[in-house]
């Protein structure tokens, strides 16, 4: 076993792909929306994942988010509105947890880069 170092500079080399609608995430605004990411660590049972990701400016409707996810924002800003209509803006240095089952709107105010950690068991 070795320590895993997250190389944030590696995000500059990531190939971006179109963001596609999924059962838990639908694009509601944005032109040529794209994302890319790196998986830095995946546990043997695939329930715990750590990585880096980058997104162009996009707004998403989130329905029944599939995993507990910790996010630490490196660059950019996102406004998240929960199911009760409460909004908050997060940016560089902010850390949040989006719980499994979350419903709301994810509206990026700019492109973002983040560290993400997910934990999900069926």
N, C-alpha and C. Protein backbone atom coordinates (compact mmCIF):
# COMPACT_ATOMS: atom_id res chain seq x y z
N UNK A 1 0.83 -1.18 0.00
CA UNK A 1 0.00 0.00 0.00
C UNK A 1 0.88 1.25 0.00
N UNK A 2 0.50 2.21 -0.81
CA UNK A 2 1.24 3.46 -0.90
C UNK A 2 0.29 4.63 -0.70
N UNK A 3 0.84 5.75 -0.27
CA UNK A 3 0.09 6.99 -0.17
C UNK A 3 -0.26 7.45 -1.58
N UNK A 4 -1.47 7.95 -1.75
CA UNK A 4 -1.91 8.46 -3.05
C UNK A 4 -1.88 9.99 -3.00
N UNK A 5 -1.12 10.58 -3.89
CA UNK A 5 -1.02 12.04 -3.97
C UNK A 5 -1.91 12.53 -5.10
N UNK A 6 -2.74 13.52 -4.82
CA UNK A 6 -3.62 14.07 -5.86
C UNK A 6 -2.86 15.17 -6.59
N UNK A 7 -2.58 14.93 -7.85
CA UNK A 7 -1.84 15.88 -8.68
C UNK A 7 -2.83 16.81 -9.37
N UNK A 8 -3.15 17.95 -8.75
CA UNK A 8 -4.14 18.85 -9.32
C UNK A 8 -3.71 19.40 -10.68
N UNK A 9 -2.42 19.57 -10.90
CA UNK A 9 -1.92 20.07 -12.18
C UNK A 9 -2.26 19.11 -13.32
N UNK A 10 -2.47 17.83 -13.01
CA UNK A 10 -2.81 16.84 -14.04
C UNK A 10 -4.15 17.14 -14.71
N UNK A 11 -5.01 17.92 -14.06
CA UNK A 11 -6.30 18.28 -14.67
C UNK A 11 -6.12 19.07 -15.96
N UNK A 12 -4.99 19.75 -16.10
CA UNK A 12 -4.74 20.53 -17.32
C UNK A 12 -4.61 19.64 -18.54
N UNK A 13 -4.26 18.36 -18.36
CA UNK A 13 -4.04 17.43 -19.46
C UNK A 13 -5.25 16.54 -19.76
N UNK A 14 -6.31 16.68 -18.96
CA UNK A 14 -7.48 15.81 -19.10
C UNK A 14 -8.28 16.16 -20.35
N UNK A 15 -8.65 15.14 -21.10
CA UNK A 15 -9.49 15.35 -22.28
C UNK A 15 -10.94 15.55 -21.82
N UNK A 16 -11.56 16.62 -22.30
CA UNK A 16 -12.94 16.91 -21.92
C UNK A 16 -13.91 16.16 -22.83
N UNK A 17 -15.04 15.75 -22.23
CA UNK A 17 -16.10 15.05 -22.97
C UNK A 17 -17.42 15.75 -22.70
N UNK A 18 -18.36 15.59 -23.61
CA UNK A 18 -19.69 16.19 -23.44
C UNK A 18 -20.37 15.64 -22.19
N UNK A 19 -21.05 16.50 -21.47
CA UNK A 19 -21.85 16.07 -20.32
C UNK A 19 -23.17 15.55 -20.87
N UNK A 20 -23.49 14.33 -20.54
CA UNK A 20 -24.74 13.72 -21.01
C UNK A 20 -25.73 13.61 -19.86
N UNK A 21 -27.02 13.69 -20.20
CA UNK A 21 -28.06 13.51 -19.21
C UNK A 21 -28.01 12.08 -18.66
N UNK A 22 -28.18 11.97 -17.35
CA UNK A 22 -28.23 10.68 -16.68
C UNK A 22 -29.51 10.63 -15.85
N UNK A 23 -29.83 9.50 -15.27
CA UNK A 23 -31.07 9.39 -14.50
C UNK A 23 -31.09 10.35 -13.31
N UNK A 24 -29.93 10.72 -12.79
CA UNK A 24 -29.84 11.59 -11.60
C UNK A 24 -29.36 13.01 -11.92
N UNK A 25 -29.11 13.30 -13.20
CA UNK A 25 -28.52 14.58 -13.58
C UNK A 25 -28.94 14.96 -14.99
N UNK A 26 -29.58 16.13 -15.13
CA UNK A 26 -30.02 16.58 -16.45
C UNK A 26 -29.48 17.99 -16.70
N UNK A 27 -28.88 18.19 -17.88
CA UNK A 27 -28.39 19.51 -18.26
C UNK A 27 -29.60 20.41 -18.54
N UNK A 28 -29.65 21.57 -17.85
CA UNK A 28 -30.77 22.50 -18.07
C UNK A 28 -30.31 23.83 -18.66
N UNK A 29 -28.97 24.08 -18.70
CA UNK A 29 -28.46 25.29 -19.31
C UNK A 29 -26.97 25.14 -19.57
N UNK A 30 -26.52 25.75 -20.66
CA UNK A 30 -25.10 25.74 -21.00
C UNK A 30 -24.91 25.38 -22.45
N UNK A 31 -23.85 25.94 -23.04
CA UNK A 31 -23.50 25.68 -24.43
C UNK A 31 -22.25 24.81 -24.47
N UNK A 32 -22.30 23.72 -25.25
CA UNK A 32 -21.15 22.84 -25.41
C UNK A 32 -20.57 22.45 -24.05
N UNK A 33 -21.44 21.96 -23.15
CA UNK A 33 -21.03 21.62 -21.79
C UNK A 33 -20.15 20.37 -21.78
N UNK A 34 -19.03 20.47 -21.05
CA UNK A 34 -18.05 19.39 -21.03
C UNK A 34 -17.49 19.18 -19.64
N UNK A 35 -16.93 17.99 -19.43
CA UNK A 35 -16.29 17.66 -18.17
C UNK A 35 -15.14 16.69 -18.41
N UNK A 36 -14.30 16.60 -17.43
CA UNK A 36 -13.21 15.63 -17.47
C UNK A 36 -12.79 15.33 -16.05
N UNK A 37 -12.15 14.19 -15.87
CA UNK A 37 -11.74 13.85 -14.52
C UNK A 37 -10.68 12.78 -14.48
N UNK A 38 -10.12 12.64 -13.31
CA UNK A 38 -9.10 11.64 -13.03
C UNK A 38 -9.51 10.88 -11.78
N UNK A 39 -9.45 9.57 -11.83
CA UNK A 39 -9.65 8.76 -10.64
C UNK A 39 -8.28 8.53 -10.02
N UNK A 40 -8.09 9.04 -8.83
CA UNK A 40 -6.80 8.91 -8.16
C UNK A 40 -6.75 7.67 -7.27
N UNK A 41 -7.92 7.27 -6.75
CA UNK A 41 -7.99 6.10 -5.88
C UNK A 41 -9.38 5.48 -5.97
N UNK A 42 -9.43 4.16 -6.08
CA UNK A 42 -10.69 3.41 -6.04
C UNK A 42 -10.45 2.22 -5.11
N UNK A 43 -11.29 2.09 -4.07
CA UNK A 43 -11.12 0.98 -3.13
C UNK A 43 -11.38 -0.35 -3.82
N UNK A 44 -10.87 -1.42 -3.22
CA UNK A 44 -11.00 -2.76 -3.79
C UNK A 44 -12.46 -3.15 -4.02
N UNK A 45 -13.36 -2.69 -3.15
CA UNK A 45 -14.79 -3.03 -3.30
C UNK A 45 -15.56 -2.00 -4.12
N UNK A 46 -14.85 -0.98 -4.67
CA UNK A 46 -15.43 0.05 -5.54
C UNK A 46 -16.43 0.96 -4.83
N UNK A 47 -16.47 0.95 -3.49
CA UNK A 47 -17.44 1.79 -2.77
C UNK A 47 -16.87 3.16 -2.40
N UNK A 48 -15.55 3.32 -2.46
CA UNK A 48 -14.88 4.56 -2.06
C UNK A 48 -14.00 5.02 -3.21
N UNK A 49 -14.24 6.26 -3.68
CA UNK A 49 -13.48 6.79 -4.82
C UNK A 49 -13.00 8.20 -4.52
N UNK A 50 -11.81 8.52 -5.00
CA UNK A 50 -11.24 9.85 -4.84
C UNK A 50 -10.71 10.28 -6.20
N UNK A 51 -10.97 11.53 -6.54
CA UNK A 51 -10.48 12.00 -7.83
C UNK A 51 -10.54 13.50 -7.97
N UNK A 52 -10.21 13.94 -9.15
CA UNK A 52 -10.23 15.35 -9.52
C UNK A 52 -11.13 15.50 -10.74
N UNK A 53 -11.84 16.63 -10.82
CA UNK A 53 -12.68 16.84 -11.99
C UNK A 53 -12.73 18.31 -12.36
N UNK A 54 -13.05 18.53 -13.62
CA UNK A 54 -13.19 19.87 -14.16
C UNK A 54 -14.43 19.92 -15.04
N UNK A 55 -15.13 21.05 -15.02
CA UNK A 55 -16.38 21.22 -15.76
C UNK A 55 -16.40 22.60 -16.41
N UNK A 56 -16.90 22.67 -17.63
CA UNK A 56 -17.18 23.96 -18.23
C UNK A 56 -18.45 24.50 -17.57
N UNK A 57 -18.80 25.72 -17.87
CA UNK A 57 -19.98 26.35 -17.26
C UNK A 57 -21.24 25.58 -17.66
N UNK A 58 -22.04 25.17 -16.65
CA UNK A 58 -23.22 24.34 -16.90
C UNK A 58 -24.20 24.49 -15.74
N UNK A 59 -25.46 24.27 -16.01
CA UNK A 59 -26.48 24.16 -14.96
C UNK A 59 -27.12 22.79 -15.09
N UNK A 60 -27.32 22.14 -13.93
CA UNK A 60 -27.84 20.77 -13.90
C UNK A 60 -29.00 20.66 -12.92
N UNK A 61 -29.98 19.87 -13.27
CA UNK A 61 -31.03 19.49 -12.33
C UNK A 61 -30.62 18.14 -11.76
N UNK A 62 -30.48 18.08 -10.43
CA UNK A 62 -30.06 16.86 -9.76
C UNK A 62 -31.27 16.20 -9.10
N UNK A 63 -31.44 14.92 -9.36
CA UNK A 63 -32.57 14.16 -8.82
C UNK A 63 -32.05 12.86 -8.23
N UNK A 64 -32.26 12.69 -6.93
CA UNK A 64 -31.85 11.46 -6.24
C UNK A 64 -30.36 11.15 -6.48
N UNK A 65 -29.49 12.08 -6.08
CA UNK A 65 -28.04 11.95 -6.24
C UNK A 65 -27.60 10.56 -5.78
N UNK A 66 -26.77 9.84 -6.56
CA UNK A 66 -26.53 8.41 -6.33
C UNK A 66 -25.53 8.03 -5.24
N UNK A 67 -24.79 8.98 -4.68
CA UNK A 67 -23.76 8.63 -3.69
C UNK A 67 -23.55 9.78 -2.71
N UNK A 68 -22.99 9.47 -1.56
CA UNK A 68 -22.52 10.52 -0.65
C UNK A 68 -21.23 11.04 -1.25
N UNK A 69 -21.17 12.36 -1.49
CA UNK A 69 -20.00 12.92 -2.16
C UNK A 69 -19.48 14.15 -1.42
N UNK A 70 -18.21 14.11 -1.07
CA UNK A 70 -17.49 15.25 -0.52
C UNK A 70 -16.85 15.97 -1.69
N UNK A 71 -16.94 17.31 -1.70
CA UNK A 71 -16.33 18.11 -2.76
C UNK A 71 -15.52 19.25 -2.14
N UNK A 72 -14.33 19.45 -2.67
CA UNK A 72 -13.49 20.57 -2.28
C UNK A 72 -13.20 21.36 -3.56
N UNK A 73 -13.65 22.61 -3.60
CA UNK A 73 -13.54 23.42 -4.81
C UNK A 73 -12.16 24.08 -4.89
N UNK A 74 -11.50 23.87 -6.03
CA UNK A 74 -10.18 24.43 -6.28
C UNK A 74 -10.26 25.74 -7.07
N UNK A 75 -11.17 25.79 -8.05
CA UNK A 75 -11.34 26.97 -8.91
C UNK A 75 -12.80 27.11 -9.28
N UNK A 76 -13.22 28.35 -9.54
CA UNK A 76 -14.56 28.62 -10.03
C UNK A 76 -15.59 28.72 -8.92
N UNK A 77 -16.83 28.95 -9.34
CA UNK A 77 -17.93 29.08 -8.39
C UNK A 77 -19.16 28.34 -8.88
N UNK A 78 -19.91 27.77 -7.93
CA UNK A 78 -21.15 27.09 -8.22
C UNK A 78 -22.20 27.53 -7.20
N UNK A 79 -23.41 27.74 -7.67
CA UNK A 79 -24.54 28.03 -6.78
C UNK A 79 -25.39 26.76 -6.73
N UNK A 80 -25.62 26.26 -5.53
CA UNK A 80 -26.43 25.07 -5.35
C UNK A 80 -27.71 25.45 -4.62
N UNK A 81 -28.84 25.09 -5.22
CA UNK A 81 -30.15 25.35 -4.64
C UNK A 81 -30.77 24.01 -4.27
N UNK A 82 -31.17 23.88 -3.00
CA UNK A 82 -31.74 22.61 -2.56
C UNK A 82 -33.23 22.53 -2.89
N UNK A 83 -33.85 21.41 -2.55
CA UNK A 83 -35.25 21.17 -2.86
C UNK A 83 -36.22 22.14 -2.21
N UNK A 84 -35.79 22.81 -1.12
CA UNK A 84 -36.64 23.82 -0.47
C UNK A 84 -36.42 25.22 -1.02
N UNK A 85 -35.53 25.35 -2.01
CA UNK A 85 -35.28 26.65 -2.63
C UNK A 85 -34.18 27.47 -1.98
N UNK A 86 -33.47 26.91 -1.00
CA UNK A 86 -32.37 27.63 -0.36
C UNK A 86 -31.11 27.50 -1.21
N UNK A 87 -30.45 28.65 -1.48
CA UNK A 87 -29.26 28.67 -2.34
C UNK A 87 -28.04 29.13 -1.58
N UNK A 88 -26.88 28.63 -2.01
CA UNK A 88 -25.60 29.09 -1.47
C UNK A 88 -24.57 28.96 -2.58
N UNK A 89 -23.64 29.92 -2.61
CA UNK A 89 -22.57 29.92 -3.59
C UNK A 89 -21.30 29.39 -2.93
N UNK A 90 -20.61 28.48 -3.63
CA UNK A 90 -19.36 27.89 -3.15
C UNK A 90 -18.26 28.17 -4.16
N UNK A 91 -17.04 28.36 -3.65
CA UNK A 91 -15.91 28.64 -4.52
C UNK A 91 -14.63 28.10 -3.95
N UNK A 92 -13.48 28.57 -4.46
CA UNK A 92 -12.19 28.04 -4.05
C UNK A 92 -12.02 28.00 -2.53
N UNK A 93 -11.62 26.84 -2.04
CA UNK A 93 -11.41 26.66 -0.60
C UNK A 93 -12.63 26.17 0.14
N UNK A 94 -13.80 26.18 -0.50
CA UNK A 94 -15.01 25.68 0.15
C UNK A 94 -15.09 24.17 0.02
N UNK A 95 -15.64 23.53 1.05
CA UNK A 95 -15.81 22.08 1.06
C UNK A 95 -17.26 21.79 1.45
N UNK A 96 -17.89 20.86 0.73
CA UNK A 96 -19.27 20.49 1.01
C UNK A 96 -19.44 18.97 0.93
N UNK A 97 -20.53 18.50 1.48
CA UNK A 97 -20.95 17.12 1.30
C UNK A 97 -22.33 17.14 0.67
N UNK A 98 -22.45 16.50 -0.49
CA UNK A 98 -23.75 16.32 -1.13
C UNK A 98 -24.20 14.90 -0.78
N UNK A 99 -25.26 14.78 0.03
CA UNK A 99 -25.68 13.44 0.47
C UNK A 99 -26.40 12.66 -0.62
N UNK A 100 -26.29 11.35 -0.52
CA UNK A 100 -27.03 10.46 -1.41
C UNK A 100 -28.51 10.81 -1.31
N UNK A 101 -29.18 10.91 -2.46
CA UNK A 101 -30.60 11.25 -2.50
C UNK A 101 -30.89 12.73 -2.64
N UNK A 102 -29.85 13.60 -2.67
CA UNK A 102 -30.04 15.05 -2.79
C UNK A 102 -30.79 15.39 -4.07
N UNK A 103 -31.68 16.38 -3.97
CA UNK A 103 -32.40 16.93 -5.12
C UNK A 103 -32.18 18.43 -5.13
N UNK A 104 -31.89 19.00 -6.29
CA UNK A 104 -31.70 20.44 -6.37
C UNK A 104 -31.16 20.87 -7.72
N UNK A 105 -30.69 22.12 -7.75
CA UNK A 105 -30.13 22.72 -8.97
C UNK A 105 -28.67 23.07 -8.71
N UNK A 106 -27.80 22.66 -9.62
CA UNK A 106 -26.36 22.95 -9.61
C UNK A 106 -26.14 23.95 -10.73
N UNK A 107 -25.85 25.22 -10.41
CA UNK A 107 -25.66 26.25 -11.43
C UNK A 107 -24.27 26.83 -11.29
N UNK A 108 -23.41 26.49 -12.24
CA UNK A 108 -22.06 27.02 -12.20
C UNK A 108 -22.05 28.45 -12.70
N UNK A 109 -21.34 29.29 -11.98
CA UNK A 109 -21.19 30.69 -12.36
C UNK A 109 -19.95 30.87 -13.23
N UNK A 110 -19.13 29.82 -13.30
CA UNK A 110 -17.90 29.81 -14.10
C UNK A 110 -17.46 28.35 -14.23
N UNK A 111 -16.47 28.08 -15.08
CA UNK A 111 -15.91 26.72 -15.08
C UNK A 111 -15.35 26.42 -13.68
N UNK A 112 -15.35 25.13 -13.31
CA UNK A 112 -14.83 24.77 -11.98
C UNK A 112 -13.84 23.61 -12.07
N UNK A 113 -13.04 23.51 -11.01
CA UNK A 113 -12.18 22.36 -10.77
C UNK A 113 -12.40 21.98 -9.32
N UNK A 114 -12.47 20.66 -9.04
CA UNK A 114 -12.72 20.22 -7.68
C UNK A 114 -12.07 18.87 -7.39
N UNK A 115 -11.86 18.63 -6.12
CA UNK A 115 -11.50 17.31 -5.61
C UNK A 115 -12.81 16.68 -5.17
N UNK A 116 -13.03 15.42 -5.52
CA UNK A 116 -14.25 14.77 -5.08
C UNK A 116 -13.93 13.41 -4.45
N UNK A 117 -14.71 13.09 -3.41
CA UNK A 117 -14.59 11.83 -2.71
C UNK A 117 -16.00 11.27 -2.60
N UNK A 118 -16.23 10.06 -3.15
CA UNK A 118 -17.56 9.46 -3.07
C UNK A 118 -17.51 8.17 -2.28
N UNK A 119 -18.62 7.95 -1.58
CA UNK A 119 -18.80 6.71 -0.86
C UNK A 119 -20.20 6.21 -1.16
N UNK A 120 -20.29 5.00 -1.67
CA UNK A 120 -21.59 4.47 -2.05
C UNK A 120 -21.60 2.96 -1.87
N UNK A 121 -22.59 2.48 -1.16
CA UNK A 121 -22.82 1.04 -1.03
C UNK A 121 -24.27 0.77 -1.39
N UNK A 122 -24.49 -0.32 -2.03
CA UNK A 122 -25.87 -0.67 -2.45
C UNK A 122 -26.63 -1.28 -1.31
